[in-house]
Amino acid sequence: MQQAIQFETVIESGVIRIPEQYIKTVPAVVQVTLAPVSGTSIKRGAQSQAGILSPDNFLALKIDTSNWRFDREEANERR
């Protein structure tokens, strides 16, 4: 079993950079656990990207369908 490697890095556009000294020792498949460095926090905009749900994730979607034509026969037609 290999030992865990711990390092601090900055995530840039969703990319986690592995420091040079670890690149050759890191296996191809890893498990990643993200934790903010003490004294920092996850930004509100980044929360949904980090898998954290907020009330903004559940806003209703409103679509104006008044000009849409629906034909039940066409919808059920097999092609």
N, C-alpha and C. Protein backbone atom coordinates (compact mmCIF):
# COMPACT_ATOMS: atom_id res chain seq x y z
N MET A 1 0.84 -1.19 0.00
CA MET A 1 0.00 0.00 0.00
C MET A 1 0.88 1.25 0.00
N GLN A 2 0.57 2.19 -0.83
CA GLN A 2 1.34 3.43 -0.91
C GLN A 2 0.86 4.41 0.15
N GLN A 3 1.77 5.28 0.54
CA GLN A 3 1.42 6.30 1.52
C GLN A 3 0.72 7.46 0.85
N ALA A 4 -0.11 8.15 1.62
CA ALA A 4 -0.81 9.33 1.11
C ALA A 4 0.16 10.49 0.96
N ILE A 5 -0.07 11.31 -0.01
CA ILE A 5 0.74 12.50 -0.25
C ILE A 5 -0.16 13.71 0.03
N GLN A 6 0.33 14.66 0.77
CA GLN A 6 -0.45 15.86 1.07
C GLN A 6 0.34 17.08 0.65
N PHE A 7 -0.34 18.01 -0.05
CA PHE A 7 0.30 19.26 -0.47
C PHE A 7 -0.76 20.32 -0.65
N GLU A 8 -0.35 21.57 -0.65
CA GLU A 8 -1.26 22.69 -0.89
C GLU A 8 -1.06 23.17 -2.32
N THR A 9 -2.16 23.51 -2.98
CA THR A 9 -2.08 24.02 -4.34
C THR A 9 -3.28 24.93 -4.59
N VAL A 10 -3.24 25.66 -5.67
CA VAL A 10 -4.34 26.52 -6.07
C VAL A 10 -5.02 25.86 -7.27
N ILE A 11 -6.32 25.74 -7.22
CA ILE A 11 -7.07 25.16 -8.34
C ILE A 11 -7.30 26.26 -9.36
N GLU A 12 -6.88 26.00 -10.60
CA GLU A 12 -7.01 26.98 -11.68
C GLU A 12 -7.89 26.41 -12.78
N SER A 13 -9.05 27.00 -12.98
CA SER A 13 -10.00 26.55 -14.00
C SER A 13 -10.31 25.06 -13.86
N GLY A 14 -10.48 24.61 -12.65
CA GLY A 14 -10.84 23.23 -12.40
C GLY A 14 -9.67 22.25 -12.46
N VAL A 15 -8.46 22.74 -12.60
CA VAL A 15 -7.28 21.87 -12.71
C VAL A 15 -6.49 21.92 -11.41
N ILE A 16 -6.21 20.74 -10.86
CA ILE A 16 -5.39 20.64 -9.66
C ILE A 16 -3.98 20.29 -10.12
N ARG A 17 -3.05 21.18 -9.89
CA ARG A 17 -1.66 20.96 -10.29
C ARG A 17 -0.92 20.17 -9.21
N ILE A 18 -0.25 19.09 -9.62
CA ILE A 18 0.55 18.28 -8.71
C ILE A 18 1.97 18.84 -8.73
N PRO A 19 2.54 19.12 -7.56
CA PRO A 19 3.90 19.65 -7.51
C PRO A 19 4.89 18.70 -8.20
N GLU A 20 5.92 19.28 -8.82
CA GLU A 20 6.91 18.53 -9.59
C GLU A 20 7.50 17.35 -8.82
N GLN A 21 7.78 17.54 -7.53
CA GLN A 21 8.45 16.49 -6.77
C GLN A 21 7.59 15.24 -6.59
N TYR A 22 6.25 15.34 -6.85
CA TYR A 22 5.36 14.19 -6.67
C TYR A 22 4.92 13.56 -7.99
N ILE A 23 5.14 14.21 -9.11
CA ILE A 23 4.58 13.74 -10.38
C ILE A 23 4.98 12.30 -10.69
N LYS A 24 6.21 11.92 -10.48
CA LYS A 24 6.65 10.56 -10.82
C LYS A 24 6.21 9.53 -9.79
N THR A 25 5.84 9.95 -8.59
CA THR A 25 5.46 9.00 -7.55
C THR A 25 3.95 8.81 -7.44
N VAL A 26 3.18 9.70 -8.04
CA VAL A 26 1.72 9.61 -7.96
C VAL A 26 1.22 8.54 -8.95
N PRO A 27 0.41 7.58 -8.47
CA PRO A 27 -0.13 6.56 -9.39
C PRO A 27 -1.14 7.17 -10.37
N ALA A 28 -1.48 6.43 -11.40
CA ALA A 28 -2.38 6.93 -12.44
C ALA A 28 -3.79 7.17 -11.92
N VAL A 29 -4.24 6.36 -10.96
CA VAL A 29 -5.59 6.51 -10.41
C VAL A 29 -5.45 6.88 -8.94
N VAL A 30 -6.09 7.99 -8.55
CA VAL A 30 -6.00 8.46 -7.17
C VAL A 30 -7.39 8.83 -6.66
N GLN A 31 -7.50 8.92 -5.36
CA GLN A 31 -8.73 9.42 -4.74
C GLN A 31 -8.40 10.81 -4.22
N VAL A 32 -9.26 11.79 -4.53
CA VAL A 32 -8.99 13.18 -4.17
C VAL A 32 -9.99 13.62 -3.11
N THR A 33 -9.48 14.23 -2.04
CA THR A 33 -10.31 14.85 -1.01
C THR A 33 -9.90 16.31 -0.94
N LEU A 34 -10.86 17.21 -1.09
CA LEU A 34 -10.55 18.64 -1.08
C LEU A 34 -10.94 19.25 0.27
N ALA A 35 -10.05 20.04 0.82
CA ALA A 35 -10.32 20.75 2.07
C ALA A 35 -9.67 22.12 1.97
N PRO A 36 -10.38 23.17 2.34
CA PRO A 36 -9.77 24.50 2.29
C PRO A 36 -8.64 24.60 3.30
N VAL A 37 -7.61 25.35 2.96
CA VAL A 37 -6.50 25.61 3.88
C VAL A 37 -7.06 26.46 5.01
N SER A 38 -6.63 26.22 6.23
CA SER A 38 -7.17 26.98 7.35
C SER A 38 -7.01 28.47 7.11
N GLY A 39 -8.05 29.20 7.41
CA GLY A 39 -8.06 30.64 7.17
C GLY A 39 -8.68 31.02 5.84
N THR A 40 -9.02 30.03 5.02
CA THR A 40 -9.69 30.31 3.74
C THR A 40 -11.05 29.62 3.75
N SER A 41 -11.87 29.96 2.80
CA SER A 41 -13.18 29.32 2.70
C SER A 41 -13.54 29.16 1.24
N ILE A 42 -14.54 28.34 0.98
CA ILE A 42 -15.01 28.14 -0.39
C ILE A 42 -15.87 29.33 -0.78
N LYS A 43 -15.59 29.91 -1.94
CA LYS A 43 -16.38 31.04 -2.43
C LYS A 43 -17.77 30.57 -2.80
N ARG A 44 -18.76 31.44 -2.65
CA ARG A 44 -20.15 31.07 -2.94
C ARG A 44 -20.32 30.60 -4.37
N GLY A 45 -19.70 31.25 -5.34
CA GLY A 45 -19.82 30.84 -6.74
C GLY A 45 -19.19 29.50 -7.00
N ALA A 46 -18.18 29.15 -6.24
CA ALA A 46 -17.47 27.88 -6.43
C ALA A 46 -18.15 26.74 -5.69
N GLN A 47 -19.11 27.05 -4.83
CA GLN A 47 -19.76 26.00 -4.06
C GLN A 47 -20.48 25.00 -4.94
N SER A 48 -21.23 25.46 -5.94
CA SER A 48 -21.95 24.53 -6.80
C SER A 48 -20.99 23.70 -7.62
N GLN A 49 -19.84 24.27 -7.99
CA GLN A 49 -18.84 23.51 -8.72
C GLN A 49 -18.20 22.48 -7.81
N ALA A 50 -18.16 22.75 -6.52
CA ALA A 50 -17.54 21.83 -5.57
C ALA A 50 -18.54 20.77 -5.11
N GLY A 51 -19.75 20.77 -5.64
CA GLY A 51 -20.74 19.78 -5.24
C GLY A 51 -21.58 20.20 -4.06
N ILE A 52 -21.48 21.45 -3.64
CA ILE A 52 -22.26 21.95 -2.51
C ILE A 52 -23.49 22.65 -3.06
N LEU A 53 -24.66 22.22 -2.63
CA LEU A 53 -25.90 22.80 -3.14
C LEU A 53 -26.28 24.03 -2.34
N SER A 54 -26.84 25.01 -3.03
CA SER A 54 -27.33 26.22 -2.40
C SER A 54 -28.76 26.45 -2.88
N PRO A 55 -29.49 27.35 -2.26
CA PRO A 55 -30.85 27.64 -2.72
C PRO A 55 -30.91 28.06 -4.19
N ASP A 56 -29.83 28.65 -4.71
CA ASP A 56 -29.81 29.05 -6.11
C ASP A 56 -29.90 27.86 -7.06
N ASN A 57 -29.52 26.66 -6.61
CA ASN A 57 -29.60 25.48 -7.45
C ASN A 57 -31.04 25.05 -7.70
N PHE A 58 -31.99 25.58 -6.92
CA PHE A 58 -33.36 25.12 -7.01
C PHE A 58 -34.34 26.19 -7.49
N LEU A 59 -33.84 27.20 -8.18
CA LEU A 59 -34.73 28.22 -8.70
C LEU A 59 -35.57 27.64 -9.84
N ALA A 60 -36.83 28.06 -9.91
CA ALA A 60 -37.73 27.54 -10.94
C ALA A 60 -37.32 28.05 -12.31
N LEU A 61 -37.50 27.21 -13.29
CA LEU A 61 -37.21 27.58 -14.67
C LEU A 61 -38.54 27.95 -15.32
N LYS A 62 -38.61 29.13 -15.92
CA LYS A 62 -39.84 29.58 -16.56
C LYS A 62 -39.61 29.66 -18.07
N ILE A 63 -40.46 28.95 -18.83
CA ILE A 63 -40.37 28.94 -20.29
C ILE A 63 -41.73 29.34 -20.85
N ASP A 64 -41.73 30.29 -21.76
CA ASP A 64 -42.97 30.71 -22.41
C ASP A 64 -43.28 29.72 -23.53
N THR A 65 -44.34 28.92 -23.36
CA THR A 65 -44.72 27.92 -24.36
C THR A 65 -45.99 28.31 -25.12
N SER A 66 -46.40 29.56 -25.01
CA SER A 66 -47.66 29.98 -25.64
C SER A 66 -47.61 29.87 -27.17
N ASN A 67 -46.44 29.99 -27.78
CA ASN A 67 -46.35 29.91 -29.23
C ASN A 67 -45.91 28.54 -29.73
N TRP A 68 -45.81 27.57 -28.84
CA TRP A 68 -45.41 26.23 -29.26
C TRP A 68 -46.62 25.46 -29.77
N ARG A 69 -46.40 24.71 -30.83
CA ARG A 69 -47.46 23.86 -31.38
C ARG A 69 -47.18 22.43 -30.95
N PHE A 70 -48.18 21.77 -30.33
CA PHE A 70 -48.01 20.40 -29.89
C PHE A 70 -49.03 19.52 -30.59
N ASP A 71 -48.56 18.49 -31.24
CA ASP A 71 -49.42 17.53 -31.92
C ASP A 71 -49.17 16.16 -31.29
N ARG A 72 -50.13 15.68 -30.54
CA ARG A 72 -49.98 14.40 -29.82
C ARG A 72 -49.69 13.25 -30.78
N GLU A 73 -50.32 13.23 -31.93
CA GLU A 73 -50.10 12.17 -32.90
C GLU A 73 -48.64 12.20 -33.41
N GLU A 74 -48.15 13.40 -33.68
CA GLU A 74 -46.77 13.53 -34.14
C GLU A 74 -45.79 13.13 -33.03
N ALA A 75 -46.11 13.48 -31.80
CA ALA A 75 -45.22 13.15 -30.68
C ALA A 75 -45.15 11.64 -30.46
N ASN A 76 -46.25 10.93 -30.70
CA ASN A 76 -46.29 9.48 -30.48
C ASN A 76 -45.95 8.67 -31.72
N GLU A 77 -45.72 9.35 -32.82
CA GLU A 77 -45.41 8.66 -34.07
C GLU A 77 -44.06 7.95 -33.97
N ARG A 78 -44.05 6.69 -34.42
CA ARG A 78 -42.79 5.93 -34.42
C ARG A 78 -42.10 6.14 -35.74
N ARG A 79 -40.84 6.36 -35.69
CA ARG A 79 -40.06 6.59 -36.91
C ARG A 79 -39.10 5.48 -37.15
